[in-house]
C-alpha atoms as a PDB file:
ATOM      1  CA  SER A   1     -18.568 -33.871 -41.841  1.00  0.00           C
ATOM      2  CA  ALA A   2     -19.891 -31.882 -39.372  1.00  0.00           C
ATOM      3  CA  ARG A   3     -18.800 -35.176 -36.822  1.00  0.00           C
ATOM      4  CA  GLU A   4     -15.365 -34.899 -37.748  1.00  0.00           C
ATOM      5  CA  CYS A   5     -15.135 -31.139 -37.536  1.00  0.00           C
ATOM      6  CA  ALA A   6     -16.359 -31.273 -33.765  1.00  0.00           C
ATOM      7  CA  LEU A   7     -13.941 -33.984 -32.493  1.00  0.00           C
ATOM      8  CA  ALA A   8     -11.407 -31.806 -33.982  1.00  0.00           C
ATOM      9  CA  MET A   9     -12.433 -29.487 -32.286  1.00  0.00           C
ATOM     10  CA  ALA A  10     -13.264 -31.077 -29.036  1.00  0.00           C
ATOM     11  CA  ARG A  11      -9.434 -32.650 -29.426  1.00  0.00           C
ATOM     12  CA  THR A  12      -8.183 -29.173 -30.120  1.00  0.00           C
ATOM     13  CA  ILE A  13      -9.632 -27.761 -26.736  1.00  0.00           C
ATOM     14  CA  ALA A  14      -8.702 -30.719 -25.164  1.00  0.00           C
ATOM     15  CA  SER A  15      -5.326 -30.518 -25.362  1.00  0.00           C
ATOM     16  CA  ARG A  16      -4.935 -26.932 -24.074  1.00  0.00           C
ATOM     17  CA  ALA A  17      -4.072 -26.112 -20.689  1.00  0.00           C
ATOM     18  CA  PRO A  18      -7.159 -27.122 -17.900  1.00  0.00           C
ATOM     19  CA  LEU A  19      -7.206 -23.786 -16.261  1.00  0.00           C
ATOM     20  CA  SER A  20      -7.387 -21.751 -19.106  1.00  0.00           C
ATOM     21  CA  VAL A  21     -10.177 -24.175 -20.734  1.00  0.00           C
ATOM     22  CA  THR A  22     -12.230 -23.914 -17.666  1.00  0.00           C
ATOM     23  CA  SER A  23     -11.924 -19.871 -17.269  1.00  0.00           C
ATOM     24  CA  ILE A  24     -12.819 -19.627 -20.875  1.00  0.00           C
ATOM     25  CA  LYS A  25     -15.657 -21.201 -20.382  1.00  0.00           C
ATOM     26  CA  ALA A  26     -17.021 -19.481 -17.488  1.00  0.00           C
ATOM     27  CA  GLU A  27     -16.457 -16.117 -19.799  1.00  0.00           C
ATOM     28  CA  ILE A  28     -18.552 -17.680 -22.407  1.00  0.00           C
ATOM     29  CA  ALA A  29     -20.757 -18.542 -19.837  1.00  0.00           C
ATOM     30  CA  ALA A  30     -21.427 -14.958 -18.198  1.00  0.00           C
ATOM     31  CA  GLN A  31     -21.562 -13.672 -21.674  1.00  0.00           C
ATOM     32  CA  ILE A  32     -24.730 -15.924 -22.592  1.00  0.00           C
ATOM     33  CA  SER A  33     -26.447 -15.440 -18.845  1.00  0.00           C
ATOM     34  CA  PRO A  34     -24.636 -12.150 -17.838  1.00  0.00           C
ATOM     35  CA  GLY A  35     -26.886 -11.225 -14.990  1.00  0.00           C
ATOM     36  CA  GLN A  36     -25.981 -14.716 -13.368  1.00  0.00           C
ATOM     37  CA  SER A  37     -21.973 -14.087 -13.931  1.00  0.00           C
ATOM     38  CA  ASP A  38     -19.693 -13.347 -10.819  1.00  0.00           C
ATOM     39  CA  THR A  39     -17.639 -10.591 -11.952  1.00  0.00           C
ATOM     40  CA  ALA A  40     -15.125 -11.066  -9.227  1.00  0.00           C
ATOM     41  CA  ALA A  41     -15.173 -15.049  -9.299  1.00  0.00           C
ATOM     42  CA  LEU A  42     -14.247 -14.040 -13.595  1.00  0.00           C
ATOM     43  CA  LEU A  43     -11.203 -12.371 -12.508  1.00  0.00           C
ATOM     44  CA  ARG A  44      -9.425 -14.649  -9.987  1.00  0.00           C
ATOM     45  CA  MET A  45     -10.340 -17.202 -13.046  1.00  0.00           C
ATOM     46  CA  ARG A  46      -8.441 -15.441 -15.112  1.00  0.00           C
ATOM     47  CA  GLU A  47      -5.922 -14.449 -12.779  1.00  0.00           C
ATOM     48  CA  GLN A  48      -5.669 -18.334 -11.652  1.00  0.00           C
ATOM     49  CA  ALA A  49      -4.113 -19.430 -15.239  1.00  0.00           C
ATOM     50  CA  TRP A  50      -2.159 -16.296 -15.926  1.00  0.00           C
ATOM     51  CA  SER A  51       0.115 -17.252 -13.185  1.00  0.00           C
ATOM     52  CA  SER A  52      -0.212 -20.972 -13.231  1.00  0.00           C
ATOM     53  CA  GLU A  53       2.617 -23.738 -13.875  1.00  0.00           C
ATOM     54  CA  ASP A  54       0.726 -24.171 -17.317  1.00  0.00           C
ATOM     55  CA  PHE A  55       1.089 -20.784 -18.734  1.00  0.00           C
ATOM     56  CA  ARG A  56       4.827 -20.709 -17.663  1.00  0.00           C
ATOM     57  CA  GLU A  57       5.144 -24.470 -19.582  1.00  0.00           C
ATOM     58  CA  GLY A  58       2.980 -22.873 -22.250  1.00  0.00           C
ATOM     59  CA  ARG A  59       5.505 -19.968 -22.858  1.00  0.00           C
ATOM     60  CA  ALA A  60       8.446 -21.789 -22.348  1.00  0.00           C
ATOM     61  CA  ALA A  61       6.649 -24.685 -25.128  1.00  0.00           C
ATOM     62  CA  PHE A  62       6.265 -22.140 -27.164  1.00  0.00           C
ATOM     63  CA  VAL A  63      10.017 -20.955 -27.249  1.00  0.00           C
ATOM     64  CA  GLU A  64      11.206 -23.906 -27.365  1.00  0.00           C
ATOM     65  CA  ARG A  65       9.188 -25.017 -30.483  1.00  0.00           C
ATOM     66  CA  ARG A  66       7.408 -28.054 -28.522  1.00  0.00           C
ATOM     67  CA  SER A  67       3.951 -28.845 -27.707  1.00  0.00           C
ATOM     68  CA  PRO A  68       3.432 -28.220 -24.175  1.00  0.00           C
ATOM     69  CA  ASP A  69       3.048 -30.615 -21.073  1.00  0.00           C
ATOM     70  CA  PHE A  70      -0.207 -29.334 -19.044  1.00  0.00           C
ATOM     71  CA  SER A  71      -0.405 -30.767 -15.595  1.00  0.00           C
ATOM     72  CA  GLY A  72      -3.335 -28.727 -14.647  1.00  0.00           C
ATOM     73  CA  GLN A  73      -1.379 -26.620 -12.107  1.00  0.00           C
END
């Protein structure tokens, strides 16, 4: 059902790195309302996510073939 699909998608998103999810949500909002976006802020958010502890944890988990343990940092 549509509800089950939505819940599965929500669980998948919730399992991702918080900084990445926040950055992606901001990028989507910028696409929806391009005149209201702050490009510099979006770039800072992206850089913060890519230089985060969670990014390193995600890479390590992938290499070690395990689920990541994201901390939001």
